[in-house]
ModelCIF file with pLDDT and N, C-alpha, C, O atoms, coordinates in Angstrom:
data_MODEL
#
_entry.id   MODEL 
#
_entity.id                         1 
_entity.type                       polymer 
_entity.pdbx_number_of_molecules   1 
#
_entity_poly.entity_id                      1 
_entity_poly.type                           'polypeptide(L)' 
_entity_poly.nstd_linkage                   no 
_entity_poly.nstd_monomer                   no 
_entity_poly.pdbx_seq_one_letter_code       
;(UNK)(UNK)(UNK)(UNK)(UNK)(UNK)(UNK)(UNK)(UNK)(UNK)(UNK)(UNK)(UNK)(UNK)(UNK)(UNK)
(UNK)(UNK)(UNK)(UNK)(UNK)(UNK)(UNK)(UNK)(UNK)(UNK)(UNK)(UNK)(UNK)(UNK)(UNK)(UNK)
(UNK)(UNK)(UNK)(UNK)
;
_entity_poly.pdbx_seq_one_letter_code_can   XXXXXXXXXXXXXXXXXXXXXXXXXXXXXXXXXXXX 
_entity_poly.pdbx_strand_id                 A 
#
loop_
_entity_poly_seq.entity_id 
_entity_poly_seq.num 
_entity_poly_seq.mon_id 
_entity_poly_seq.hetero 
1 1  UNK n 
1 2  UNK n 
1 3  UNK n 
1 4  UNK n 
1 5  UNK n 
1 6  UNK n 
1 7  UNK n 
1 8  UNK n 
1 9  UNK n 
1 10 UNK n 
1 11 UNK n 
1 12 UNK n 
1 13 UNK n 
1 14 UNK n 
1 15 UNK n 
1 16 UNK n 
1 17 UNK n 
1 18 UNK n 
1 19 UNK n 
1 20 UNK n 
1 21 UNK n 
1 22 UNK n 
1 23 UNK n 
1 24 UNK n 
1 25 UNK n 
1 26 UNK n 
1 27 UNK n 
1 28 UNK n 
1 29 UNK n 
1 30 UNK n 
1 31 UNK n 
1 32 UNK n 
1 33 UNK n 
1 34 UNK n 
1 35 UNK n 
1 36 UNK n 
#
_struct_asym.id          A 
_struct_asym.entity_id   1 
#
loop_
_ma_qa_metric.id 
_ma_qa_metric.mode 
_ma_qa_metric.name 
_ma_qa_metric.software_group_id 
_ma_qa_metric.type 
1 global pLDDT . pLDDT 
2 local  pLDDT . pLDDT 
#
_ma_qa_metric_global.metric_id      1 
_ma_qa_metric_global.metric_value   94.97 
_ma_qa_metric_global.model_id       1 
_ma_qa_metric_global.ordinal_id     1 
#
loop_
_ma_qa_metric_local.label_asym_id 
_ma_qa_metric_local.label_comp_id 
_ma_qa_metric_local.label_seq_id 
_ma_qa_metric_local.metric_id 
_ma_qa_metric_local.metric_value 
_ma_qa_metric_local.model_id 
_ma_qa_metric_local.ordinal_id 
A UNK 1  2 98.00 1 1  
A UNK 2  2 96.00 1 2  
A UNK 3  2 94.00 1 3  
A UNK 4  2 96.00 1 4  
A UNK 5  2 95.00 1 5  
A UNK 6  2 97.00 1 6  
A UNK 7  2 98.00 1 7  
A UNK 8  2 98.00 1 8  
A UNK 9  2 98.00 1 9  
A UNK 10 2 98.00 1 10 
A UNK 11 2 97.00 1 11 
A UNK 12 2 97.00 1 12 
A UNK 13 2 95.00 1 13 
A UNK 14 2 95.00 1 14 
A UNK 15 2 94.00 1 15 
A UNK 16 2 94.00 1 16 
A UNK 17 2 89.00 1 17 
A UNK 18 2 84.00 1 18 
A UNK 19 2 81.00 1 19 
A UNK 20 2 81.00 1 20 
A UNK 21 2 92.00 1 21 
A UNK 22 2 95.00 1 22 
A UNK 23 2 97.00 1 23 
A UNK 24 2 96.00 1 24 
A UNK 25 2 97.00 1 25 
A UNK 26 2 98.00 1 26 
A UNK 27 2 98.00 1 27 
A UNK 28 2 97.00 1 28 
A UNK 29 2 98.00 1 29 
A UNK 30 2 97.00 1 30 
A UNK 31 2 97.00 1 31 
A UNK 32 2 97.00 1 32 
A UNK 33 2 97.00 1 33 
A UNK 34 2 95.00 1 34 
A UNK 35 2 96.00 1 35 
A UNK 36 2 97.00 1 36 
#
loop_
_atom_site.group_PDB 
_atom_site.id 
_atom_site.type_symbol 
_atom_site.label_atom_id 
_atom_site.label_alt_id 
_atom_site.label_comp_id 
_atom_site.label_asym_id 
_atom_site.label_entity_id 
_atom_site.label_seq_id 
_atom_site.pdbx_PDB_ins_code 
_atom_site.Cartn_x 
_atom_site.Cartn_y 
_atom_site.Cartn_z 
_atom_site.occupancy 
_atom_site.B_iso_or_equiv 
_atom_site.pdbx_formal_charge 
_atom_site.auth_seq_id 
_atom_site.auth_comp_id 
_atom_site.auth_asym_id 
_atom_site.auth_atom_id 
_atom_site.pdbx_PDB_model_num 
ATOM 1   N N  . UNK A 1 1  ? 0.803   -1.231  0.000  1.00 98.00 ? 1  UNK A N  1 
ATOM 2   C CA . UNK A 1 1  ? 0.000   0.000   0.000  1.00 98.00 ? 1  UNK A CA 1 
ATOM 3   C C  . UNK A 1 1  ? 0.833   1.278   0.000  1.00 98.00 ? 1  UNK A C  1 
ATOM 4   O O  . UNK A 1 1  ? 0.279   2.377   -0.021 1.00 98.00 ? 1  UNK A O  1 
ATOM 5   N N  . UNK A 1 2  ? 2.142   1.147   0.023  1.00 96.00 ? 2  UNK A N  1 
ATOM 6   C CA . UNK A 1 2  ? 3.008   2.341   0.026  1.00 96.00 ? 2  UNK A CA 1 
ATOM 7   C C  . UNK A 1 2  ? 2.665   3.238   -1.153 1.00 96.00 ? 2  UNK A C  1 
ATOM 8   O O  . UNK A 1 2  ? 2.677   2.804   -2.305 1.00 96.00 ? 2  UNK A O  1 
ATOM 9   N N  . UNK A 1 3  ? 2.359   4.491   -0.853 1.00 94.00 ? 3  UNK A N  1 
ATOM 10  C CA . UNK A 1 3  ? 2.121   5.466   -1.909 1.00 94.00 ? 3  UNK A CA 1 
ATOM 11  C C  . UNK A 1 3  ? 0.769   5.385   -2.593 1.00 94.00 ? 3  UNK A C  1 
ATOM 12  O O  . UNK A 1 3  ? 0.534   6.122   -3.550 1.00 94.00 ? 3  UNK A O  1 
ATOM 13  N N  . UNK A 1 4  ? -0.127  4.525   -2.144 1.00 96.00 ? 4  UNK A N  1 
ATOM 14  C CA . UNK A 1 4  ? -1.451  4.420   -2.763 1.00 96.00 ? 4  UNK A CA 1 
ATOM 15  C C  . UNK A 1 4  ? -2.425  5.319   -1.998 1.00 96.00 ? 4  UNK A C  1 
ATOM 16  O O  . UNK A 1 4  ? -2.724  5.079   -0.828 1.00 96.00 ? 4  UNK A O  1 
ATOM 17  N N  . UNK A 1 5  ? -2.905  6.338   -2.669 1.00 95.00 ? 5  UNK A N  1 
ATOM 18  C CA . UNK A 1 5  ? -3.821  7.296   -2.056 1.00 95.00 ? 5  UNK A CA 1 
ATOM 19  C C  . UNK A 1 5  ? -5.193  6.655   -1.859 1.00 95.00 ? 5  UNK A C  1 
ATOM 20  O O  . UNK A 1 5  ? -5.726  6.018   -2.768 1.00 95.00 ? 5  UNK A O  1 
ATOM 21  N N  . UNK A 1 6  ? -5.760  6.828   -0.663 1.00 97.00 ? 6  UNK A N  1 
ATOM 22  C CA . UNK A 1 6  ? -7.096  6.318   -0.380 1.00 97.00 ? 6  UNK A CA 1 
ATOM 23  C C  . UNK A 1 6  ? -7.138  4.892   0.127  1.00 97.00 ? 6  UNK A C  1 
ATOM 24  O O  . UNK A 1 6  ? -8.215  4.368   0.415  1.00 97.00 ? 6  UNK A O  1 
ATOM 25  N N  . UNK A 1 7  ? -5.974  4.249   0.242  1.00 98.00 ? 7  UNK A N  1 
ATOM 26  C CA . UNK A 1 7  ? -5.907  2.866   0.740  1.00 98.00 ? 7  UNK A CA 1 
ATOM 27  C C  . UNK A 1 7  ? -4.910  2.826   1.898  1.00 98.00 ? 7  UNK A C  1 
ATOM 28  O O  . UNK A 1 7  ? -3.744  3.195   1.751  1.00 98.00 ? 7  UNK A O  1 
ATOM 29  N N  . UNK A 1 8  ? -5.399  2.367   3.057  1.00 98.00 ? 8  UNK A N  1 
ATOM 30  C CA . UNK A 1 8  ? -4.572  2.329   4.265  1.00 98.00 ? 8  UNK A CA 1 
ATOM 31  C C  . UNK A 1 8  ? -4.549  0.910   4.834  1.00 98.00 ? 8  UNK A C  1 
ATOM 32  O O  . UNK A 1 8  ? -5.377  0.072   4.476  1.00 98.00 ? 8  UNK A O  1 
ATOM 33  N N  . UNK A 1 9  ? -3.602  0.657   5.714  1.00 98.00 ? 9  UNK A N  1 
ATOM 34  C CA . UNK A 1 9  ? -3.500  -0.623  6.412  1.00 98.00 ? 9  UNK A CA 1 
ATOM 35  C C  . UNK A 1 9  ? -4.044  -0.434  7.823  1.00 98.00 ? 9  UNK A C  1 
ATOM 36  O O  . UNK A 1 9  ? -3.721  0.544   8.498  1.00 98.00 ? 9  UNK A O  1 
ATOM 37  N N  . UNK A 1 10 ? -4.867  -1.374  8.258  1.00 98.00 ? 10 UNK A N  1 
ATOM 38  C CA . UNK A 1 10 ? -5.428  -1.342  9.616  1.00 98.00 ? 10 UNK A CA 1 
ATOM 39  C C  . UNK A 1 10 ? -5.066  -2.647  10.324 1.00 98.00 ? 10 UNK A C  1 
ATOM 40  O O  . UNK A 1 10 ? -5.402  -3.734  9.855  1.00 98.00 ? 10 UNK A O  1 
ATOM 41  N N  . UNK A 1 11 ? -4.377  -2.526  11.458 1.00 97.00 ? 11 UNK A N  1 
ATOM 42  C CA . UNK A 1 11 ? -3.953  -3.722  12.201 1.00 97.00 ? 11 UNK A CA 1 
ATOM 43  C C  . UNK A 1 11 ? -4.670  -3.873  13.541 1.00 97.00 ? 11 UNK A C  1 
ATOM 44  O O  . UNK A 1 11 ? -4.199  -4.595  14.420 1.00 97.00 ? 11 UNK A O  1 
ATOM 45  N N  . UNK A 1 12 ? -5.804  -3.195  13.698 1.00 97.00 ? 12 UNK A N  1 
ATOM 46  C CA . UNK A 1 12 ? -6.510  -3.174  14.984 1.00 97.00 ? 12 UNK A CA 1 
ATOM 47  C C  . UNK A 1 12 ? -6.866  -4.579  15.478 1.00 97.00 ? 12 UNK A C  1 
ATOM 48  O O  . UNK A 1 12 ? -6.845  -4.832  16.683 1.00 97.00 ? 12 UNK A O  1 
ATOM 49  N N  . UNK A 1 13 ? -7.192  -5.490  14.564 1.00 95.00 ? 13 UNK A N  1 
ATOM 50  C CA . UNK A 1 13 ? -7.615  -6.832  15.000 1.00 95.00 ? 13 UNK A CA 1 
ATOM 51  C C  . UNK A 1 13 ? -6.483  -7.627  15.641 1.00 95.00 ? 13 UNK A C  1 
ATOM 52  O O  . UNK A 1 13 ? -6.740  -8.578  16.380 1.00 95.00 ? 13 UNK A O  1 
ATOM 53  N N  . UNK A 1 14 ? -5.234  -7.252  15.367 1.00 95.00 ? 14 UNK A N  1 
ATOM 54  C CA . UNK A 1 14 ? -4.108  -7.999  15.935 1.00 95.00 ? 14 UNK A CA 1 
ATOM 55  C C  . UNK A 1 14 ? -4.024  -7.820  17.448 1.00 95.00 ? 14 UNK A C  1 
ATOM 56  O O  . UNK A 1 14 ? -3.436  -8.651  18.140 1.00 95.00 ? 14 UNK A O  1 
ATOM 57  N N  . UNK A 1 15 ? -4.606  -6.744  17.959 1.00 94.00 ? 15 UNK A N  1 
ATOM 58  C CA . UNK A 1 15 ? -4.570  -6.504  19.404 1.00 94.00 ? 15 UNK A CA 1 
ATOM 59  C C  . UNK A 1 15 ? -5.899  -6.826  20.082 1.00 94.00 ? 15 UNK A C  1 
ATOM 60  O O  . UNK A 1 15 ? -6.086  -6.543  21.265 1.00 94.00 ? 15 UNK A O  1 
ATOM 61  N N  . UNK A 1 16 ? -6.811  -7.415  19.326 1.00 94.00 ? 16 UNK A N  1 
ATOM 62  C CA . UNK A 1 16 ? -8.135  -7.740  19.878 1.00 94.00 ? 16 UNK A CA 1 
ATOM 63  C C  . UNK A 1 16 ? -8.220  -9.228  20.232 1.00 94.00 ? 16 UNK A C  1 
ATOM 64  O O  . UNK A 1 16 ? -7.426  -10.029 19.739 1.00 94.00 ? 16 UNK A O  1 
ATOM 65  N N  . UNK A 1 17 ? -9.180  -9.598  21.086 1.00 89.00 ? 17 UNK A N  1 
ATOM 66  C CA . UNK A 1 17 ? -9.362  -11.014 21.422 1.00 89.00 ? 17 UNK A CA 1 
ATOM 67  C C  . UNK A 1 17 ? -9.670  -11.849 20.178 1.00 89.00 ? 17 UNK A C  1 
ATOM 68  O O  . UNK A 1 17 ? -10.265 -11.366 19.214 1.00 89.00 ? 17 UNK A O  1 
ATOM 69  N N  . UNK A 1 18 ? -9.255  -13.096 20.227 1.00 84.00 ? 18 UNK A N  1 
ATOM 70  C CA . UNK A 1 18 ? -9.482  -14.007 19.103 1.00 84.00 ? 18 UNK A CA 1 
ATOM 71  C C  . UNK A 1 18 ? -10.432 -15.116 19.516 1.00 84.00 ? 18 UNK A C  1 
ATOM 72  O O  . UNK A 1 18 ? -10.422 -15.504 20.684 1.00 84.00 ? 18 UNK A O  1 
ATOM 73  N N  . UNK A 1 19 ? -11.247 -15.644 18.622 1.00 81.00 ? 19 UNK A N  1 
ATOM 74  C CA . UNK A 1 19 ? -11.294 -15.311 17.208 1.00 81.00 ? 19 UNK A CA 1 
ATOM 75  C C  . UNK A 1 19 ? -11.813 -13.901 16.989 1.00 81.00 ? 19 UNK A C  1 
ATOM 76  O O  . UNK A 1 19 ? -12.455 -13.297 17.849 1.00 81.00 ? 19 UNK A O  1 
ATOM 77  N N  . UNK A 1 20 ? -11.510 -13.412 15.813 1.00 81.00 ? 20 UNK A N  1 
ATOM 78  C CA . UNK A 1 20 ? -11.828 -12.041 15.449 1.00 81.00 ? 20 UNK A CA 1 
ATOM 79  C C  . UNK A 1 20 ? -13.228 -11.970 14.839 1.00 81.00 ? 20 UNK A C  1 
ATOM 80  O O  . UNK A 1 20 ? -13.516 -12.641 13.848 1.00 81.00 ? 20 UNK A O  1 
ATOM 81  N N  . UNK A 1 21 ? -14.082 -11.162 15.433 1.00 92.00 ? 21 UNK A N  1 
ATOM 82  C CA . UNK A 1 21 ? -15.432 -10.986 14.894 1.00 92.00 ? 21 UNK A CA 1 
ATOM 83  C C  . UNK A 1 21 ? -15.572 -9.569  14.346 1.00 92.00 ? 21 UNK A C  1 
ATOM 84  O O  . UNK A 1 21 ? -15.187 -8.600  15.000 1.00 92.00 ? 21 UNK A O  1 
ATOM 85  N N  . UNK A 1 22 ? -16.119 -9.461  13.158 1.00 95.00 ? 22 UNK A N  1 
ATOM 86  C CA . UNK A 1 22 ? -16.232 -8.191  12.456 1.00 95.00 ? 22 UNK A CA 1 
ATOM 87  C C  . UNK A 1 22 ? -16.985 -7.143  13.265 1.00 95.00 ? 22 UNK A C  1 
ATOM 88  O O  . UNK A 1 22 ? -16.585 -5.978  13.279 1.00 95.00 ? 22 UNK A O  1 
ATOM 89  N N  . UNK A 1 23 ? -18.055 -7.526  13.932 1.00 97.00 ? 23 UNK A N  1 
ATOM 90  C CA . UNK A 1 23 ? -18.826 -6.550  14.705 1.00 97.00 ? 23 UNK A CA 1 
ATOM 91  C C  . UNK A 1 23 ? -17.958 -5.909  15.784 1.00 97.00 ? 23 UNK A C  1 
ATOM 92  O O  . UNK A 1 23 ? -18.072 -4.710  16.038 1.00 97.00 ? 23 UNK A O  1 
ATOM 93  N N  . UNK A 1 24 ? -17.093 -6.697  16.420 1.00 96.00 ? 24 UNK A N  1 
ATOM 94  C CA . UNK A 1 24 ? -16.201 -6.161  17.453 1.00 96.00 ? 24 UNK A CA 1 
ATOM 95  C C  . UNK A 1 24 ? -15.189 -5.196  16.842 1.00 96.00 ? 24 UNK A C  1 
ATOM 96  O O  . UNK A 1 24 ? -14.859 -4.169  17.435 1.00 96.00 ? 24 UNK A O  1 
ATOM 97  N N  . UNK A 1 25 ? -14.696 -5.540  15.638 1.00 97.00 ? 25 UNK A N  1 
ATOM 98  C CA . UNK A 1 25 ? -13.743 -4.664  14.942 1.00 97.00 ? 25 UNK A CA 1 
ATOM 99  C C  . UNK A 1 25 ? -14.392 -3.327  14.615 1.00 97.00 ? 25 UNK A C  1 
ATOM 100 O O  . UNK A 1 25 ? -13.813 -2.270  14.866 1.00 97.00 ? 25 UNK A O  1 
ATOM 101 N N  . UNK A 1 26 ? -15.600 -3.378  14.051 1.00 98.00 ? 26 UNK A N  1 
ATOM 102 C CA . UNK A 1 26 ? -16.294 -2.149  13.686 1.00 98.00 ? 26 UNK A CA 1 
ATOM 103 C C  . UNK A 1 26 ? -16.600 -1.288  14.923 1.00 98.00 ? 26 UNK A C  1 
ATOM 104 O O  . UNK A 1 26 ? -16.452 -0.067  14.882 1.00 98.00 ? 26 UNK A O  1 
ATOM 105 N N  . UNK A 1 27 ? -17.020 -1.921  16.009 1.00 98.00 ? 27 UNK A N  1 
ATOM 106 C CA . UNK A 1 27 ? -17.289 -1.185  17.245 1.00 98.00 ? 27 UNK A CA 1 
ATOM 107 C C  . UNK A 1 27 ? -16.018 -0.529  17.782 1.00 98.00 ? 27 UNK A C  1 
ATOM 108 O O  . UNK A 1 27 ? -16.036 0.632   18.192 1.00 98.00 ? 27 UNK A O  1 
ATOM 109 N N  . UNK A 1 28 ? -14.915 -1.279  17.777 1.00 97.00 ? 28 UNK A N  1 
ATOM 110 C CA . UNK A 1 28 ? -13.633 -0.756  18.269 1.00 97.00 ? 28 UNK A CA 1 
ATOM 111 C C  . UNK A 1 28 ? -13.165 0.422   17.423 1.00 97.00 ? 28 UNK A C  1 
ATOM 112 O O  . UNK A 1 28 ? -12.742 1.447   17.957 1.00 97.00 ? 28 UNK A O  1 
ATOM 113 N N  . UNK A 1 29 ? -13.242 0.272   16.107 1.00 98.00 ? 29 UNK A N  1 
ATOM 114 C CA . UNK A 1 29 ? -12.813 1.357   15.219 1.00 98.00 ? 29 UNK A CA 1 
ATOM 115 C C  . UNK A 1 29 ? -13.689 2.598   15.395 1.00 98.00 ? 29 UNK A C  1 
ATOM 116 O O  . UNK A 1 29 ? -13.190 3.723   15.361 1.00 98.00 ? 29 UNK A O  1 
ATOM 117 N N  . UNK A 1 30 ? -14.985 2.394   15.580 1.00 97.00 ? 30 UNK A N  1 
ATOM 118 C CA . UNK A 1 30 ? -15.905 3.526   15.768 1.00 97.00 ? 30 UNK A CA 1 
ATOM 119 C C  . UNK A 1 30 ? -15.573 4.310   17.034 1.00 97.00 ? 30 UNK A C  1 
ATOM 120 O O  . UNK A 1 30 ? -15.672 5.537   17.063 1.00 97.00 ? 30 UNK A O  1 
ATOM 121 N N  . UNK A 1 31 ? -15.180 3.588   18.074 1.00 97.00 ? 31 UNK A N  1 
ATOM 122 C CA . UNK A 1 31 ? -14.809 4.264   19.323 1.00 97.00 ? 31 UNK A CA 1 
ATOM 123 C C  . UNK A 1 31 ? -13.472 4.992   19.170 1.00 97.00 ? 31 UNK A C  1 
ATOM 124 O O  . UNK A 1 31 ? -13.294 6.108   19.659 1.00 97.00 ? 31 UNK A O  1 
ATOM 125 N N  . UNK A 1 32 ? -12.543 4.336   18.484 1.00 97.00 ? 32 UNK A N  1 
ATOM 126 C CA . UNK A 1 32 ? -11.187 4.875   18.340 1.00 97.00 ? 32 UNK A CA 1 
ATOM 127 C C  . UNK A 1 32 ? -11.121 6.040   17.352 1.00 97.00 ? 32 UNK A C  1 
ATOM 128 O O  . UNK A 1 32 ? -10.342 6.975   17.541 1.00 97.00 ? 32 UNK A O  1 
ATOM 129 N N  . UNK A 1 33 ? -11.934 5.985   16.306 1.00 97.00 ? 33 UNK A N  1 
ATOM 130 C CA . UNK A 1 33 ? -11.920 7.008   15.257 1.00 97.00 ? 33 UNK A CA 1 
ATOM 131 C C  . UNK A 1 33 ? -13.329 7.593   15.118 1.00 97.00 ? 33 UNK A C  1 
ATOM 132 O O  . UNK A 1 33 ? -14.034 7.323   14.145 1.00 97.00 ? 33 UNK A O  1 
ATOM 133 N N  . UNK A 1 34 ? -13.721 8.394   16.102 1.00 95.00 ? 34 UNK A N  1 
ATOM 134 C CA . UNK A 1 34 ? -15.094 8.905   16.138 1.00 95.00 ? 34 UNK A CA 1 
ATOM 135 C C  . UNK A 1 34 ? -15.398 9.874   14.992 1.00 95.00 ? 34 UNK A C  1 
ATOM 136 O O  . UNK A 1 34 ? -16.564 10.156  14.717 1.00 95.00 ? 34 UNK A O  1 
ATOM 137 N N  . UNK A 1 35 ? -14.363 10.382  14.327 1.00 96.00 ? 35 UNK A N  1 
ATOM 138 C CA . UNK A 1 35 ? -14.553 11.283  13.181 1.00 96.00 ? 35 UNK A CA 1 
ATOM 139 C C  . UNK A 1 35 ? -14.816 10.521  11.882 1.00 96.00 ? 35 UNK A C  1 
ATOM 140 O O  . UNK A 1 35 ? -14.994 11.129  10.827 1.00 96.00 ? 35 UNK A O  1 
ATOM 141 N N  . UNK A 1 36 ? -14.841 9.192   11.964 1.00 97.00 ? 36 UNK A N  1 
ATOM 142 C CA . UNK A 1 36 ? -15.058 8.356   10.775 1.00 97.00 ? 36 UNK A CA 1 
ATOM 143 C C  . UNK A 1 36 ? -16.389 7.613   10.873 1.00 97.00 ? 36 UNK A C  1 
ATOM 144 O O  . UNK A 1 36 ? -16.744 6.861   9.966  1.00 97.00 ? 36 UNK A O  1 
#
């Protein structure tokens, strides 16, 4: 993704409990990035 505008890497799930559930990821990201 180096140099690609509009595409980012997100590693939030690596620090979350496993197995990884999408709803938990979305909730975590919403809390962490309230402007998004």
